[in-house]
Protein backbone atom coordinates (compact mmCIF):
# COMPACT_ATOMS: atom_id res chain seq x y z
CA MET A 1 18.20 -3.47 17.28
CA GLY A 2 17.80 -1.35 20.43
CA ASN A 3 19.02 2.24 20.21
CA SER A 4 21.68 1.48 17.59
CA VAL A 5 21.46 3.09 14.18
CA LYS A 6 19.09 1.12 11.96
CA GLN A 7 20.30 0.46 8.44
CA LEU A 8 17.58 1.05 5.82
CA ALA A 9 16.98 -0.05 2.26
CA ILE A 10 14.22 2.03 0.66
CA LEU A 11 12.68 0.54 -2.46
CA GLY A 12 10.56 3.16 -4.22
CA SER A 13 12.55 6.09 -2.84
CA THR A 14 11.30 8.62 -5.40
CA GLY A 15 7.60 7.93 -4.78
CA SER A 16 5.42 9.56 -2.14
CA ILE A 17 6.06 6.98 0.62
CA GLY A 18 9.76 6.80 -0.22
CA GLN A 19 10.18 10.56 -0.03
CA GLN A 20 8.32 10.74 3.27
CA THR A 21 10.50 7.90 4.62
CA LEU A 22 13.58 9.93 3.76
CA ASP A 23 11.99 12.87 5.56
CA ILE A 24 11.95 10.72 8.71
CA VAL A 25 15.63 9.88 8.15
CA ARG A 26 16.43 13.61 7.88
CA THR A 27 14.67 14.22 11.19
CA PHE A 28 16.48 11.37 12.99
CA PRO A 29 19.96 11.06 11.41
CA ASP A 30 21.31 9.55 14.63
CA ARG A 31 18.81 6.67 14.45
CA PHE A 32 18.53 5.78 10.77
CA ARG A 33 21.05 5.42 7.95
CA VAL A 34 20.24 4.77 4.29
CA VAL A 35 22.24 1.85 2.93
CA ALA A 36 20.41 1.43 -0.37
CA LEU A 37 17.88 3.21 -2.59
CA ALA A 38 15.82 1.78 -5.44
CA ALA A 39 13.65 3.79 -7.83
CA GLY A 40 11.91 3.64 -11.18
CA TYR A 41 12.59 6.23 -13.88
CA ASN A 42 12.86 9.49 -11.90
CA LEU A 43 16.64 9.59 -12.14
CA ASN A 44 16.97 13.33 -11.42
CA LEU A 45 15.35 12.92 -8.00
CA LEU A 46 17.22 9.68 -7.32
CA ALA A 47 20.52 11.42 -8.11
CA ARG A 48 19.71 14.15 -5.58
CA GLN A 49 18.80 11.52 -2.99
CA VAL A 50 22.06 9.67 -3.62
CA GLU A 51 24.04 12.87 -3.17
CA GLU A 52 22.26 13.69 0.10
CA PHE A 53 22.11 10.25 1.75
CA LYS A 54 25.17 8.59 0.16
CA PRO A 55 23.86 5.02 0.00
CA SER A 56 26.25 2.19 -0.78
CA PHE A 57 23.85 0.61 -3.28
CA ILE A 58 21.27 1.85 -5.78
CA SER A 59 18.89 0.35 -8.32
CA HIS A 60 16.72 1.97 -10.97
CA GLN A 61 14.95 1.23 -14.24
CA GLY A 62 16.23 4.17 -16.25
CA LYS A 63 18.46 3.72 -19.29
CA GLN A 64 21.00 6.32 -18.16
CA SER A 65 23.45 5.74 -15.36
CA ILE A 66 23.85 7.85 -12.25
CA SER A 67 27.41 9.04 -11.76
CA THR A 68 28.60 8.23 -8.25
CA GLN A 69 31.99 7.35 -6.83
CA ASP A 70 31.13 5.06 -3.94
CA THR A 71 27.74 3.64 -4.96
CA GLN A 72 27.24 0.25 -6.58
CA SER A 73 24.30 -0.49 -8.90
CA ILE A 74 22.53 -3.82 -8.24
CA GLN A 75 19.04 -5.29 -8.72
CA ALA A 76 16.20 -4.30 -6.37
CA GLU A 77 15.79 -7.94 -5.31
CA ASP A 78 19.48 -8.05 -4.32
CA ILE A 79 19.08 -4.83 -2.32
CA ALA A 80 16.27 -6.51 -0.35
CA CYS A 81 18.71 -9.26 0.73
CA LEU A 82 21.73 -7.17 1.75
CA LYS A 83 23.13 -8.54 5.00
CA GLU A 84 23.89 -5.07 6.38
CA VAL A 85 20.25 -3.94 6.03
CA ASP A 86 18.05 -4.07 9.15
CA ILE A 87 14.78 -2.81 7.63
CA VAL A 88 13.60 -3.03 4.02
CA VAL A 89 10.99 -0.41 3.13
CA ILE A 90 8.90 -1.68 0.22
CA ALA A 91 7.32 1.43 -1.29
CA LEU A 92 7.32 0.28 -4.91
CA SER A 93 4.03 0.61 -6.76
CA GLY A 94 2.06 -2.28 -8.26
CA ASP A 95 3.41 -5.72 -9.10
CA ALA A 96 6.97 -4.34 -9.10
CA GLY A 97 7.00 -4.82 -5.34
CA LEU A 98 6.21 -8.54 -5.34
CA LYS A 99 9.60 -10.12 -6.07
CA PRO A 100 11.61 -7.71 -3.84
CA THR A 101 9.13 -8.35 -1.01
CA LEU A 102 9.60 -12.10 -1.35
CA ALA A 103 13.37 -11.66 -1.51
CA ALA A 104 13.34 -9.65 1.74
CA VAL A 105 11.04 -12.21 3.37
CA ARG A 106 13.34 -15.07 2.41
CA ALA A 107 16.30 -13.11 3.80
CA GLY A 108 14.49 -12.94 7.15
CA LYS A 109 14.31 -9.13 7.18
CA ARG A 110 11.99 -6.75 8.95
CA ILE A 111 9.87 -5.40 6.11
CA ALA A 112 8.08 -2.07 6.36
CA LEU A 113 5.46 -2.85 3.73
CA ALA A 114 3.68 -0.08 1.84
CA ASN A 115 3.02 -2.15 -1.29
CA LYS A 116 -0.56 -3.47 -1.12
CA GLU A 117 -0.33 -5.39 -4.35
CA SER A 118 2.18 -7.91 -2.99
CA LEU A 119 -0.18 -9.22 -0.31
CA VAL A 120 -3.22 -8.87 -2.56
CA ALA A 121 -1.70 -11.01 -5.30
CA ALA A 122 0.36 -13.48 -3.27
CA GLY A 123 -0.55 -13.10 0.39
CA ASN A 124 -0.61 -16.85 1.01
CA ILE A 125 2.92 -17.26 -0.36
CA ILE A 126 4.38 -14.21 1.40
CA THR A 127 2.89 -14.94 4.84
CA ALA A 128 3.87 -18.64 4.70
CA ASP A 129 7.43 -17.73 3.74
CA ALA A 130 7.58 -15.08 6.48
CA LYS A 131 6.88 -17.78 9.07
CA ASN A 132 9.39 -20.19 7.52
CA TYR A 133 12.22 -17.65 7.24
CA GLY A 134 11.59 -15.67 10.43
CA ALA A 135 10.79 -12.41 8.66
CA SER A 136 8.53 -9.78 10.22
CA ILE A 137 6.13 -7.73 8.11
CA VAL A 138 5.35 -4.34 9.62
CA PRO A 139 2.48 -2.41 7.99
CA VAL A 140 3.02 1.14 6.74
CA ASP A 141 -0.55 1.82 5.58
CA SER A 142 -2.21 4.04 8.18
CA GLU A 143 -5.18 1.66 8.53
CA HIS A 144 -3.12 -1.48 9.06
CA SER A 145 -0.66 0.33 11.30
CA ALA A 146 -3.65 1.36 13.41
CA ILE A 147 -4.89 -2.23 13.70
CA TRP A 148 -1.38 -3.45 14.49
CA GLN A 149 -1.12 -0.91 17.32
CA CYS A 150 -4.60 -1.76 18.64
CA LEU A 151 -3.69 -5.47 18.78
CA ALA A 152 -0.44 -4.87 20.69
CA GLY A 153 -0.50 -6.66 24.04
CA GLU A 154 -3.76 -8.49 23.32
CA THR A 155 -3.87 -12.25 23.82
CA SER A 156 -7.48 -12.69 22.65
CA ARG A 157 -8.37 -12.92 18.98
CA PRO A 158 -10.20 -9.87 17.63
CA GLU A 159 -13.90 -10.24 16.93
CA ARG A 160 -13.84 -7.69 14.10
CA LEU A 161 -11.49 -5.34 12.28
CA ILE A 162 -12.99 -2.01 11.22
CA LEU A 163 -11.08 -0.27 8.44
CA THR A 164 -11.92 3.41 8.11
CA ALA A 165 -12.09 5.24 4.78
CA SER A 166 -12.07 8.97 4.19
CA GLY A 167 -14.50 8.50 1.31
CA GLY A 168 -12.12 10.37 -0.97
CA PRO A 169 -12.95 13.53 -2.89
CA PHE A 170 -16.26 12.22 -4.25
CA LEU A 171 -18.12 11.21 -1.10
CA HIS A 172 -21.90 11.55 -1.66
CA HIS A 173 -21.48 12.04 -5.42
CA SER A 174 -23.90 10.24 -7.75
CA PRO A 175 -22.74 7.95 -10.59
CA SER A 176 -23.81 10.61 -13.10
CA GLN A 177 -21.68 13.23 -11.34
CA LEU A 178 -18.72 10.86 -11.41
CA SER A 179 -18.99 10.34 -15.17
CA ASN A 180 -17.34 13.72 -15.82
CA VAL A 181 -14.63 13.54 -13.18
CA THR A 182 -11.17 14.65 -14.35
CA PRO A 183 -7.81 13.22 -13.22
CA GLU A 184 -7.05 16.53 -11.48
CA GLN A 185 -10.24 16.23 -9.41
CA ALA A 186 -9.52 12.59 -8.54
CA LEU A 187 -6.00 13.47 -7.42
CA ASN A 188 -7.27 16.21 -5.07
CA HIS A 189 -7.62 14.07 -1.96
CA PRO A 190 -9.18 15.89 1.02
CA SER A 191 -7.02 14.32 3.75
CA TRP A 192 -3.89 12.51 2.61
CA LYS A 193 -0.73 13.18 0.60
CA MET A 194 -0.19 10.02 -1.44
CA GLY A 195 1.05 8.76 -4.80
CA ARG A 196 -1.10 9.12 -7.93
CA LYS A 197 -2.18 5.46 -8.17
CA VAL A 198 -3.24 5.10 -4.54
CA THR A 199 -4.95 8.50 -4.62
CA VAL A 200 -7.16 7.44 -7.53
CA ASP A 201 -7.80 4.11 -5.77
CA SER A 202 -8.97 6.12 -2.76
CA ALA A 203 -11.34 8.06 -5.00
CA THR A 204 -12.87 4.85 -6.42
CA LEU A 205 -12.70 3.07 -2.99
CA MET A 206 -10.71 0.27 -4.64
CA ASN A 207 -8.12 1.11 -2.01
CA LYS A 208 -10.42 -0.17 0.75
CA GLY A 209 -11.08 -3.39 -1.12
CA LEU A 210 -7.35 -4.01 -1.48
CA GLU A 211 -6.92 -3.21 2.22
CA ILE A 212 -9.46 -5.88 3.18
CA ILE A 213 -7.33 -8.47 1.40
CA GLU A 214 -4.17 -7.05 2.95
CA ALA A 215 -5.66 -7.11 6.47
CA HIS A 216 -6.77 -10.72 6.00
CA TRP A 217 -3.17 -11.82 5.41
CA LEU A 218 -1.45 -9.45 7.85
CA PHE A 219 -3.65 -10.34 10.81
CA ASP A 220 -4.76 -13.88 9.89
CA ILE A 221 -8.46 -13.08 10.11
CA THR A 222 -11.32 -14.15 7.86
CA PHE A 223 -12.73 -11.69 5.33
CA GLU A 224 -16.15 -11.86 6.97
CA LYS A 225 -14.73 -10.25 10.11
CA ILE A 226 -13.36 -7.19 8.29
CA THR A 227 -15.70 -4.26 7.66
CA ILE A 228 -15.40 -0.79 6.13
CA LEU A 229 -16.72 2.45 7.61
CA VAL A 230 -16.48 5.83 5.90
CA HIS A 231 -14.99 8.37 8.32
CA PRO A 232 -14.46 11.67 6.45
CA GLN A 233 -12.43 13.37 9.18
CA SER A 234 -9.59 10.79 8.86
CA ILE A 235 -8.79 11.06 12.57
CA ILE A 236 -9.57 7.46 13.58
CA HIS A 237 -7.37 5.37 11.34
CA SER A 238 -8.99 2.01 12.14
CA MET A 239 -10.54 0.08 15.02
CA VAL A 240 -10.56 -3.39 16.54
CA GLU A 241 -13.58 -4.92 18.27
CA PHE A 242 -13.11 -7.72 20.81
CA ALA A 243 -15.43 -10.48 22.05
CA ASP A 244 -16.53 -8.49 25.12
CA GLY A 245 -17.71 -5.59 22.94
CA VAL A 246 -14.75 -3.33 23.71
CA VAL A 247 -13.51 -1.38 20.70
CA LYS A 248 -9.96 0.00 20.55
CA ALA A 249 -9.22 2.79 18.08
CA GLN A 250 -6.00 4.47 17.00
CA LEU A 251 -6.25 8.22 16.45
CA GLY A 252 -3.74 10.61 14.96
CA TYR A 253 -3.21 13.54 12.64
CA PRO A 254 -3.64 12.40 9.01
CA ASP A 255 0.03 12.36 8.01
CA MET A 256 1.67 9.29 6.45
CA ARG A 257 4.92 10.08 8.22
CA LEU A 258 3.36 8.85 11.47
CA PRO A 259 2.85 5.20 10.44
CA ILE A 260 6.12 5.25 8.47
CA GLN A 261 8.02 6.50 11.51
CA TYR A 262 6.48 3.90 13.81
CA ALA A 263 7.29 1.09 11.35
CA LEU A 264 10.93 2.20 11.46
CA SER A 265 11.24 2.93 15.19
CA TYR A 266 9.10 0.08 16.61
CA PRO A 267 8.91 -0.74 19.48
CA GLN A 268 10.00 2.79 20.40
CA ARG A 269 7.94 5.93 19.77
CA LEU A 270 9.83 9.04 18.72
CA SER A 271 8.81 12.67 19.23
CA ASN A 272 8.72 14.44 15.87
CA SER A 273 7.99 18.17 16.00
CA ASN A 274 7.51 18.24 12.21
CA ILE A 275 4.28 16.24 12.46
CA PRO A 276 1.24 18.05 13.93
CA LYS A 277 -0.49 16.56 16.97
CA LEU A 278 -4.25 16.35 17.40
CA ASP A 279 -5.95 19.30 19.06
CA PHE A 280 -9.14 17.77 20.44
CA SER A 281 -10.61 21.20 21.20
CA LYS A 282 -10.77 21.83 17.45
CA ILE A 283 -12.34 18.49 16.51
CA LYS A 284 -16.05 19.26 16.25
CA GLU A 285 -17.29 15.84 15.14
CA LEU A 286 -16.26 12.29 14.29
CA THR A 287 -18.80 10.77 11.90
CA PHE A 288 -19.21 7.34 10.34
CA GLU A 289 -21.35 5.87 7.58
CA GLU A 290 -21.62 2.77 5.41
CA PRO A 291 -19.90 2.94 2.03
CA ASP A 292 -22.08 3.28 -1.08
CA TYR A 293 -21.38 0.09 -3.02
CA ASN A 294 -23.56 1.15 -5.97
CA THR A 295 -21.82 4.45 -6.57
CA PHE A 296 -18.38 2.95 -5.92
CA PRO A 297 -18.49 -0.53 -7.53
CA CYS A 298 -14.72 -1.04 -7.22
CA LEU A 299 -15.21 -1.86 -3.54
CA ARG A 300 -17.83 -4.47 -4.44
CA LEU A 301 -15.54 -5.98 -7.10
CA ALA A 302 -12.70 -6.28 -4.61
CA ILE A 303 -14.88 -8.04 -2.05
CA GLU A 304 -16.12 -10.45 -4.74
CA ALA A 305 -12.53 -11.20 -5.78
CA VAL A 306 -11.64 -11.83 -2.13
CA ARG A 307 -14.48 -14.33 -1.75
CA LYS A 308 -13.57 -16.18 -4.94
CA GLY A 309 -9.88 -16.32 -4.02
CA GLY A 310 -7.31 -18.07 -6.18
CA THR A 311 -5.86 -15.77 -8.82
CA TYR A 312 -8.86 -13.40 -8.80
CA PRO A 313 -7.21 -10.90 -6.39
CA ALA A 314 -4.08 -10.77 -8.57
CA VAL A 315 -6.24 -10.10 -11.65
CA LEU A 316 -8.23 -7.46 -9.75
CA SER A 317 -5.06 -5.62 -8.74
CA ALA A 318 -3.34 -5.83 -12.13
CA SER A 319 -6.37 -4.78 -14.16
CA ASP A 320 -6.98 -1.87 -11.76
CA GLU A 321 -3.39 -0.76 -12.27
CA VAL A 322 -3.98 -0.61 -16.03
CA ALA A 323 -7.37 1.09 -15.67
CA VAL A 324 -6.06 3.80 -13.34
CA ASN A 325 -3.15 4.50 -15.69
CA LEU A 326 -5.55 4.80 -18.64
CA PHE A 327 -7.75 7.19 -16.64
CA LEU A 328 -4.79 9.35 -15.62
CA ASN A 329 -3.80 9.54 -19.28
CA ARG A 330 -7.40 10.54 -20.22
CA ARG A 331 -7.96 7.38 -22.27
CA ILE A 332 -11.01 6.29 -20.25
CA GLY A 333 -13.47 7.96 -17.87
CA PHE A 334 -13.58 7.64 -14.09
CA ASN A 335 -16.56 5.24 -14.11
CA ASP A 336 -14.80 3.16 -16.77
CA ILE A 337 -12.18 2.09 -14.20
CA ALA A 338 -14.67 -0.24 -12.49
CA ARG A 339 -16.15 -1.38 -15.80
CA LEU A 340 -12.74 -2.35 -17.16
CA VAL A 341 -11.80 -4.24 -13.99
CA GLU A 342 -15.13 -6.08 -13.98
CA LEU A 343 -14.86 -7.10 -17.64
CA THR A 344 -11.34 -8.42 -17.04
CA LEU A 345 -12.45 -10.40 -13.99
CA THR A 346 -15.38 -11.84 -15.96
CA LYS A 347 -13.00 -13.19 -18.63
CA HIS A 348 -10.62 -14.75 -16.10
CA LYS A 349 -10.41 -18.47 -15.38
CA SER A 350 -9.04 -18.62 -11.86
CA LEU A 351 -6.57 -21.08 -10.40
CA SER A 352 -6.95 -22.10 -6.77
CA LYS A 353 -3.86 -22.13 -4.53
CA PRO A 354 -1.61 -20.66 -7.25
CA SER A 355 2.18 -20.79 -7.23
CA LEU A 356 4.20 -17.59 -7.52
CA GLU A 357 4.70 -18.20 -11.23
CA GLU A 358 0.96 -18.70 -11.70
CA VAL A 359 0.22 -15.47 -9.82
CA LEU A 360 2.64 -13.54 -12.03
CA THR A 361 1.19 -15.16 -15.17
CA ALA A 362 -2.36 -14.25 -14.11
CA ALA A 363 -1.33 -10.65 -13.41
CA ALA A 364 0.41 -10.36 -16.80
CA TRP A 365 -2.69 -11.82 -18.50
CA ALA A 366 -4.90 -9.30 -16.66
CA ARG A 367 -2.81 -6.33 -17.74
CA GLU A 368 -2.85 -7.40 -21.39
CA SER A 369 -6.56 -8.28 -21.31
CA ALA A 370 -7.48 -4.96 -19.72
CA ARG A 371 -5.53 -3.08 -22.40
CA GLN A 372 -7.22 -5.06 -25.18
CA ILE A 373 -10.67 -4.47 -23.70
CA ALA A 374 -9.95 -0.76 -23.38
CA LEU A 375 -8.97 -0.69 -27.05
CA GLY A 376 -12.27 -2.35 -27.96
CA ASP A 377 -10.79 -5.77 -28.69
CA SER A 378 -12.76 -8.38 -26.72
CA ARG A 379 -10.78 -11.36 -27.94
């Protein structure tokens, strides 16, 4: 694609990652052009985005239409396949990202992937299809972008991937302290500006469990060679250890626009004055510690689901989606998120090597089961 203008389709344009992607486009209008936007129900924001960026295609889930002269409404999966699109940014939340991701893969696109759930639920299908159709999956998550950058130019297999975690807003809290946590407290992340779902997942550390699964598929490495370290300063975004003991780390200011920008501009690096650079004279310490699996059982549940395989990861992800939504709506407590996910996993009868349809069926079952459990119906 060289220095020519890259044509973008942004799926999830009204969410946190989508809005920050558009911020990159604003900064580099001579390098990126928005061809298509897809959103959920935030039609007011989508309408403003359409007016500013003038995409040729849009998609949304709202009942009302958006009045535009030169914009055509199509399905999100069709947007992912548009021949004029160079890069498809998948920033949709939850299972909604799975089918568009597969559509983009099968169209041989470069995919800037910010949707964890797709690889968690169907990583074997997505990665196999990417090889078959010549698609490239570029990570947008800061941790996986860091690993991707650390592996650049290496011909030897990594000995270990080290995913860093900020620890979220409740680092060093006890389970009893967490029992009274409010949604507002959980959404007050100390380092990152993210969407509501991923911010709560960071508070429970479920996010790190999902990232282990994602890293396994992205970098074709066994789960046993992926570890988590809590790094509260959020300066080192992840590390790679090699056979000779050398460890490479990627450092940067904690701003999601950095990994988004690199996913769009790769292999070039662009100077962006809107993103702060690290001032090492002001960094007083870089600390690391093991995560507390007892206080944050979601991480343990994710690792167990990874080890069991089959449809367990899809059920983990879908039941967590329901649990987080219930918590944000004050229907359950913070500690109940892990309990609800665990009860759903316990009820599940997994299928090994599932098809796409079986993955989707398992996820739908998990969402319904989690809702029934939360309502006190254990049928």
